[in-house]
N, C-alpha and C. Protein backbone atom coordinates (compact mmCIF):
# COMPACT_ATOMS: atom_id res chain seq x y z
N MET A 1 -32.51 81.38 -83.78
CA MET A 1 -33.45 82.47 -83.86
C MET A 1 -34.62 81.98 -84.28
N ARG A 2 -35.60 82.44 -83.82
CA ARG A 2 -37.11 82.27 -84.41
C ARG A 2 -37.57 82.67 -85.63
N GLU A 3 -38.08 81.81 -86.56
CA GLU A 3 -38.24 82.31 -87.74
C GLU A 3 -39.57 83.16 -87.59
N LEU A 4 -39.40 84.56 -88.09
CA LEU A 4 -40.72 85.54 -88.22
C LEU A 4 -41.26 85.15 -89.73
N LEU A 5 -42.70 85.25 -89.74
CA LEU A 5 -43.29 85.23 -90.91
C LEU A 5 -44.20 86.52 -91.33
N THR A 6 -44.30 86.78 -92.60
CA THR A 6 -45.44 88.02 -92.84
C THR A 6 -46.63 87.38 -92.52
N VAL A 7 -47.55 88.31 -92.15
CA VAL A 7 -49.09 88.01 -92.06
C VAL A 7 -49.46 87.05 -93.39
N ARG A 8 -48.88 87.46 -94.84
CA ARG A 8 -49.30 86.87 -95.67
C ARG A 8 -49.04 85.33 -95.53
N GLU A 9 -47.79 85.10 -95.16
CA GLU A 9 -47.17 83.45 -94.92
C GLU A 9 -47.78 82.89 -93.88
N ALA A 10 -48.14 83.76 -92.70
CA ALA A 10 -49.01 82.96 -91.57
C ALA A 10 -50.47 82.58 -92.22
N THR A 11 -50.81 83.51 -93.01
CA THR A 11 -52.07 83.04 -93.40
C THR A 11 -52.15 81.67 -94.58
N GLU A 12 -51.11 81.62 -95.29
CA GLU A 12 -51.10 80.55 -96.15
C GLU A 12 -50.85 79.24 -95.30
N ILE A 13 -50.14 79.36 -93.97
CA ILE A 13 -50.02 78.10 -93.30
C ILE A 13 -51.15 77.68 -92.70
N LEU A 14 -52.05 78.68 -92.19
CA LEU A 14 -53.17 78.32 -91.68
C LEU A 14 -54.36 78.06 -92.69
N GLN A 15 -54.21 78.47 -93.79
CA GLN A 15 -55.18 77.74 -94.88
C GLN A 15 -54.79 76.30 -95.16
N SER A 16 -53.13 76.11 -95.06
CA SER A 16 -52.66 74.71 -95.46
C SER A 16 -53.25 73.83 -94.44
N CYS A 17 -53.60 74.33 -93.34
CA CYS A 17 -54.06 73.41 -92.36
C CYS A 17 -55.44 73.16 -92.25
N GLY A 18 -56.26 73.83 -93.05
CA GLY A 18 -57.74 73.89 -93.28
C GLY A 18 -58.46 74.92 -92.44
N ILE A 19 -57.66 76.07 -92.02
CA ILE A 19 -58.34 77.10 -91.35
C ILE A 19 -58.69 77.84 -92.62
N GLU A 20 -60.10 78.25 -92.59
CA GLU A 20 -60.84 79.30 -93.58
C GLU A 20 -60.24 80.63 -93.19
N CYS A 21 -59.57 81.29 -93.75
CA CYS A 21 -59.18 82.55 -93.45
C CYS A 21 -58.48 83.29 -94.69
N GLN A 22 -58.66 84.84 -94.29
CA GLN A 22 -57.96 85.46 -95.46
C GLN A 22 -57.08 86.64 -94.63
N PHE A 23 -56.08 87.23 -95.54
CA PHE A 23 -55.12 87.98 -94.96
C PHE A 23 -55.45 88.73 -94.03
N HIS A 24 -56.82 89.59 -94.24
CA HIS A 24 -57.14 90.65 -93.55
C HIS A 24 -57.60 90.11 -91.85
N GLU A 25 -58.19 88.98 -92.06
CA GLU A 25 -58.53 88.12 -90.78
C GLU A 25 -57.26 87.86 -89.71
N VAL A 26 -56.23 87.52 -90.49
CA VAL A 26 -55.17 87.05 -89.83
C VAL A 26 -54.23 88.16 -89.33
N LYS A 27 -54.39 89.38 -90.02
CA LYS A 27 -53.71 90.70 -89.43
C LYS A 27 -54.59 91.50 -88.32
N LYS A 28 -55.94 91.14 -88.26
CA LYS A 28 -56.79 91.40 -87.42
C LYS A 28 -56.70 90.63 -86.06
N TRP A 29 -56.37 89.38 -86.07
CA TRP A 29 -56.19 88.49 -85.21
C TRP A 29 -54.72 89.00 -84.47
N ALA A 30 -53.92 89.34 -85.28
CA ALA A 30 -52.43 89.86 -84.67
C ALA A 30 -52.70 91.20 -83.89
N ILE A 31 -53.43 92.18 -84.49
CA ILE A 31 -53.71 93.55 -84.00
C ILE A 31 -54.57 93.10 -82.71
N GLU A 32 -55.45 92.21 -82.47
CA GLU A 32 -56.34 91.94 -81.44
C GLU A 32 -55.48 91.12 -80.33
N GLY A 33 -54.28 90.73 -80.75
CA GLY A 33 -53.58 89.79 -79.80
C GLY A 33 -53.87 88.10 -79.55
N LYS A 34 -54.64 87.87 -80.54
CA LYS A 34 -55.23 86.64 -80.66
C LYS A 34 -54.37 85.56 -81.06
N ILE A 35 -53.38 86.24 -81.86
CA ILE A 35 -52.05 85.33 -82.31
C ILE A 35 -50.92 86.40 -82.10
N LYS A 36 -50.17 85.58 -81.47
CA LYS A 36 -48.85 86.78 -81.07
C LYS A 36 -47.94 87.08 -82.30
N ALA A 37 -47.71 88.43 -82.43
CA ALA A 37 -47.13 89.05 -83.67
C ALA A 37 -46.24 90.21 -82.83
N LYS A 38 -45.08 90.51 -83.59
CA LYS A 38 -44.26 91.52 -83.30
C LYS A 38 -44.63 92.62 -84.29
N HIS A 39 -44.66 93.82 -83.92
CA HIS A 39 -45.23 95.08 -84.44
C HIS A 39 -44.17 95.97 -84.52
N GLU A 40 -43.70 96.18 -85.94
CA GLU A 40 -42.47 97.09 -86.16
C GLU A 40 -43.05 97.76 -87.62
N ASN A 41 -43.04 99.17 -87.21
CA ASN A 41 -43.36 100.27 -88.28
C ASN A 41 -44.37 99.91 -89.25
N ARG A 42 -45.37 99.45 -88.34
CA ARG A 42 -47.00 99.14 -88.91
C ARG A 42 -46.86 97.90 -89.88
N VAL A 43 -45.70 96.88 -89.70
CA VAL A 43 -45.75 95.61 -90.16
C VAL A 43 -45.63 94.59 -88.98
N TYR A 44 -46.59 93.57 -89.11
CA TYR A 44 -46.69 92.75 -88.18
C TYR A 44 -45.92 91.51 -88.86
N ARG A 45 -45.19 90.88 -87.92
CA ARG A 45 -44.28 89.73 -87.99
C ARG A 45 -44.77 88.60 -87.15
N ILE A 46 -44.94 87.29 -87.66
CA ILE A 46 -45.73 86.17 -86.71
C ILE A 46 -44.62 85.22 -86.69
N GLY A 47 -44.32 84.86 -85.43
CA GLY A 47 -43.40 83.42 -85.22
C GLY A 47 -43.88 82.18 -85.82
N LEU A 48 -43.21 81.41 -86.22
CA LEU A 48 -43.87 80.22 -86.88
C LEU A 48 -44.47 79.45 -85.60
N ASP A 49 -43.86 79.57 -84.47
CA ASP A 49 -44.14 78.49 -83.44
C ASP A 49 -45.50 79.14 -83.01
N ASP A 50 -45.75 80.57 -82.82
CA ASP A 50 -46.86 81.18 -82.84
C ASP A 50 -48.17 80.80 -83.50
N VAL A 51 -47.56 80.39 -84.85
CA VAL A 51 -48.93 79.82 -85.86
C VAL A 51 -49.45 78.67 -85.27
N TYR A 52 -48.43 77.84 -84.88
CA TYR A 52 -48.77 76.51 -84.47
C TYR A 52 -49.33 76.36 -83.12
N ASP A 53 -48.95 77.37 -82.19
CA ASP A 53 -49.94 77.71 -80.66
C ASP A 53 -51.34 77.99 -81.18
N PHE A 54 -51.30 79.02 -82.02
CA PHE A 54 -52.64 79.38 -82.55
C PHE A 54 -53.61 78.24 -83.07
N LEU A 55 -52.96 77.36 -83.73
CA LEU A 55 -53.95 76.27 -84.33
C LEU A 55 -54.08 75.38 -83.25
N GLU A 56 -53.17 75.04 -82.36
CA GLU A 56 -53.73 74.21 -81.21
C GLU A 56 -55.04 74.90 -80.56
N ILE A 57 -54.77 76.13 -80.34
CA ILE A 57 -55.98 76.74 -79.41
C ILE A 57 -57.34 76.66 -80.14
N LEU A 58 -57.08 76.99 -81.53
CA LEU A 58 -58.48 76.87 -82.48
C LEU A 58 -59.01 75.44 -82.55
N TRP A 59 -58.04 74.18 -82.31
CA TRP A 59 -58.43 73.07 -82.48
C TRP A 59 -58.74 72.30 -81.30
N LYS A 60 -58.67 73.05 -79.91
CA LYS A 60 -59.10 72.46 -78.85
C LYS A 60 -60.65 72.06 -78.82
N GLY A 61 -60.72 71.06 -78.43
CA GLY A 61 -62.22 70.68 -78.38
C GLY A 61 -62.80 70.20 -79.59
N SER A 62 -62.26 70.20 -80.56
CA SER A 62 -62.50 69.85 -81.84
C SER A 62 -61.93 68.36 -82.39
N SER A 63 -62.49 67.72 -83.41
CA SER A 63 -61.94 66.49 -83.95
C SER A 63 -60.27 66.77 -84.23
N TYR A 64 -59.96 67.79 -84.38
CA TYR A 64 -58.41 68.05 -84.73
C TYR A 64 -57.61 68.14 -83.64
N GLU A 65 -58.10 68.19 -82.42
CA GLU A 65 -57.40 68.68 -81.21
C GLU A 65 -56.11 67.65 -81.26
N ILE A 66 -54.69 68.14 -81.23
CA ILE A 66 -53.57 67.07 -81.08
C ILE A 66 -53.54 66.22 -79.72
N GLY A 67 -53.58 65.08 -79.92
CA GLY A 67 -53.29 64.17 -78.79
C GLY A 67 -54.58 63.40 -78.31
N ILE A 68 -55.63 63.60 -78.98
CA ILE A 68 -56.68 62.76 -78.62
C ILE A 68 -56.73 61.21 -79.30
N ASN A 69 -57.46 60.38 -78.31
CA ASN A 69 -57.65 59.22 -78.92
C ASN A 69 -58.58 59.07 -80.05
N ASP A 70 -58.54 57.86 -80.59
CA ASP A 70 -59.46 57.68 -81.93
C ASP A 70 -60.85 57.80 -81.48
N GLU A 71 -61.37 57.19 -80.33
CA GLU A 71 -62.82 57.12 -79.92
C GLU A 71 -63.28 58.69 -79.56
N THR A 72 -62.39 59.15 -79.32
CA THR A 72 -62.71 60.73 -78.77
C THR A 72 -63.05 61.56 -80.30
N LYS A 73 -61.96 61.04 -81.27
CA LYS A 73 -62.03 61.94 -82.58
C LYS A 73 -63.25 61.51 -83.31
N ILE A 74 -63.51 60.27 -83.13
CA ILE A 74 -64.66 59.87 -84.04
C ILE A 74 -66.10 60.37 -83.45
N SER A 75 -66.11 60.37 -82.29
CA SER A 75 -67.29 60.98 -81.32
C SER A 75 -67.24 62.36 -81.91
N ARG A 76 -66.20 63.16 -81.72
CA ARG A 76 -66.32 64.90 -82.19
C ARG A 76 -66.61 64.70 -83.75
N LEU A 77 -66.24 63.99 -84.58
CA LEU A 77 -66.48 63.85 -85.98
C LEU A 77 -68.09 63.65 -86.25
N ILE A 78 -68.41 62.53 -85.73
CA ILE A 78 -69.93 62.43 -85.61
C ILE A 78 -70.78 63.61 -84.97
N GLN A 79 -70.27 64.37 -83.94
CA GLN A 79 -71.09 65.35 -83.50
C GLN A 79 -71.12 66.89 -84.65
N GLU A 80 -69.84 66.80 -85.14
CA GLU A 80 -69.78 67.84 -85.99
C GLU A 80 -70.42 67.61 -87.12
N ASN A 81 -70.55 66.46 -87.82
CA ASN A 81 -71.31 65.90 -88.97
C ASN A 81 -72.74 66.36 -88.74
N LYS A 82 -73.25 66.00 -87.46
CA LYS A 82 -74.78 66.12 -86.95
C LYS A 82 -74.96 67.65 -87.11
N GLU A 83 -74.00 68.50 -86.43
CA GLU A 83 -74.16 70.08 -86.33
C GLU A 83 -74.34 70.61 -87.88
N ILE A 84 -73.33 70.07 -88.74
CA ILE A 84 -73.30 70.54 -90.03
C ILE A 84 -74.79 70.08 -90.72
N LYS A 85 -75.36 68.98 -90.49
CA LYS A 85 -76.61 68.50 -91.11
C LYS A 85 -77.63 69.78 -90.67
N ASP A 86 -77.53 69.68 -89.39
CA ASP A 86 -78.70 70.73 -88.57
C ASP A 86 -78.39 72.11 -89.31
N ARG A 87 -77.61 72.55 -89.69
CA ARG A 87 -77.31 73.74 -89.99
C ARG A 87 -77.73 73.72 -91.68
N ILE A 88 -77.57 72.82 -92.35
CA ILE A 88 -78.02 72.75 -93.98
C ILE A 88 -79.52 72.79 -93.81
N ILE A 89 -80.08 72.11 -92.95
CA ILE A 89 -81.72 72.11 -92.81
C ILE A 89 -82.23 73.31 -92.49
N GLN A 90 -81.39 74.27 -91.66
CA GLN A 90 -81.85 75.45 -91.31
C GLN A 90 -81.61 76.53 -92.61
N LEU A 91 -80.47 76.41 -93.23
CA LEU A 91 -80.31 77.33 -94.44
C LEU A 91 -81.30 77.05 -95.49
N GLU A 92 -81.66 75.61 -95.71
CA GLU A 92 -82.46 75.30 -96.81
C GLU A 92 -83.95 76.05 -96.44
N LYS A 93 -84.34 75.88 -95.07
CA LYS A 93 -85.45 76.53 -94.62
C LYS A 93 -85.39 78.00 -94.90
N GLU A 94 -84.51 78.83 -94.52
CA GLU A 94 -84.19 80.18 -95.05
C GLU A 94 -84.42 80.47 -96.27
N ASN A 95 -83.56 79.54 -97.08
CA ASN A 95 -83.60 79.87 -98.47
C ASN A 95 -84.98 79.87 -98.96
N LYS A 96 -85.54 78.83 -98.66
CA LYS A 96 -87.15 78.52 -99.10
C LYS A 96 -88.04 79.85 -98.77
N ILE A 97 -87.89 80.39 -97.77
CA ILE A 97 -88.53 81.72 -97.25
C ILE A 97 -88.33 82.64 -98.00
N LEU A 98 -86.91 83.03 -98.23
CA LEU A 98 -86.54 83.89 -98.91
C LEU A 98 -86.82 83.82 -100.55
N ARG A 99 -86.79 82.73 -100.85
CA ARG A 99 -87.23 82.55 -102.49
C ARG A 99 -88.88 82.86 -102.58
N GLN A 100 -89.67 82.62 -101.59
CA GLN A 100 -90.93 82.67 -101.60
C GLN A 100 -91.19 84.34 -101.39
N LYS A 101 -90.34 85.12 -100.73
CA LYS A 101 -90.59 86.50 -100.61
C LYS A 101 -90.16 87.19 -101.90
N LEU A 102 -89.03 86.47 -102.60
CA LEU A 102 -88.86 87.03 -103.97
C LEU A 102 -89.69 86.94 -104.90
N SER A 103 -90.43 85.64 -105.00
CA SER A 103 -91.14 85.51 -105.93
C SER A 103 -92.36 86.47 -105.60
N SER A 104 -93.00 86.65 -104.46
CA SER A 104 -94.00 87.19 -104.46
C SER A 104 -93.85 89.04 -104.71
N LEU A 105 -92.57 89.47 -104.68
CA LEU A 105 -92.26 90.70 -105.26
C LEU A 105 -92.33 90.83 -106.60
N LYS A 106 -92.25 89.86 -107.50
CA LYS A 106 -92.46 89.85 -108.80
C LYS A 106 -93.80 90.00 -109.27
C-alpha cells in the first residue's frame, strides 16, 4: 500500500529537499492538481511517490535535475549563479531608488 502523507508532512519533505514553500502553498498545489493528492472530507493526502514526482518536475531543466551529467550540472549552476547576481544588481538599484524617495519624503 502506498504511504499517504498529510500536507504538512509533504511540505516538510519538500523543504528538506531545498524547496522554499509553506503549508498553504503545498495545499494550493494539491487543490490545483499540480501535485497529485487524494481529497477526502476536506483533507488532502499526498502519496510519497507523488511528492518525489513533483520534485522531479520542479527540478527539470535546473542543476538539480536527476540524471544529468556533471558538465551539464556545472553549466546550469554557472547560469543560475549569473541570474542570481543579475537579480541582486536589479534589487540594489530598486532599493536605492526607494531609499531616495523615502528620504525626499522626510
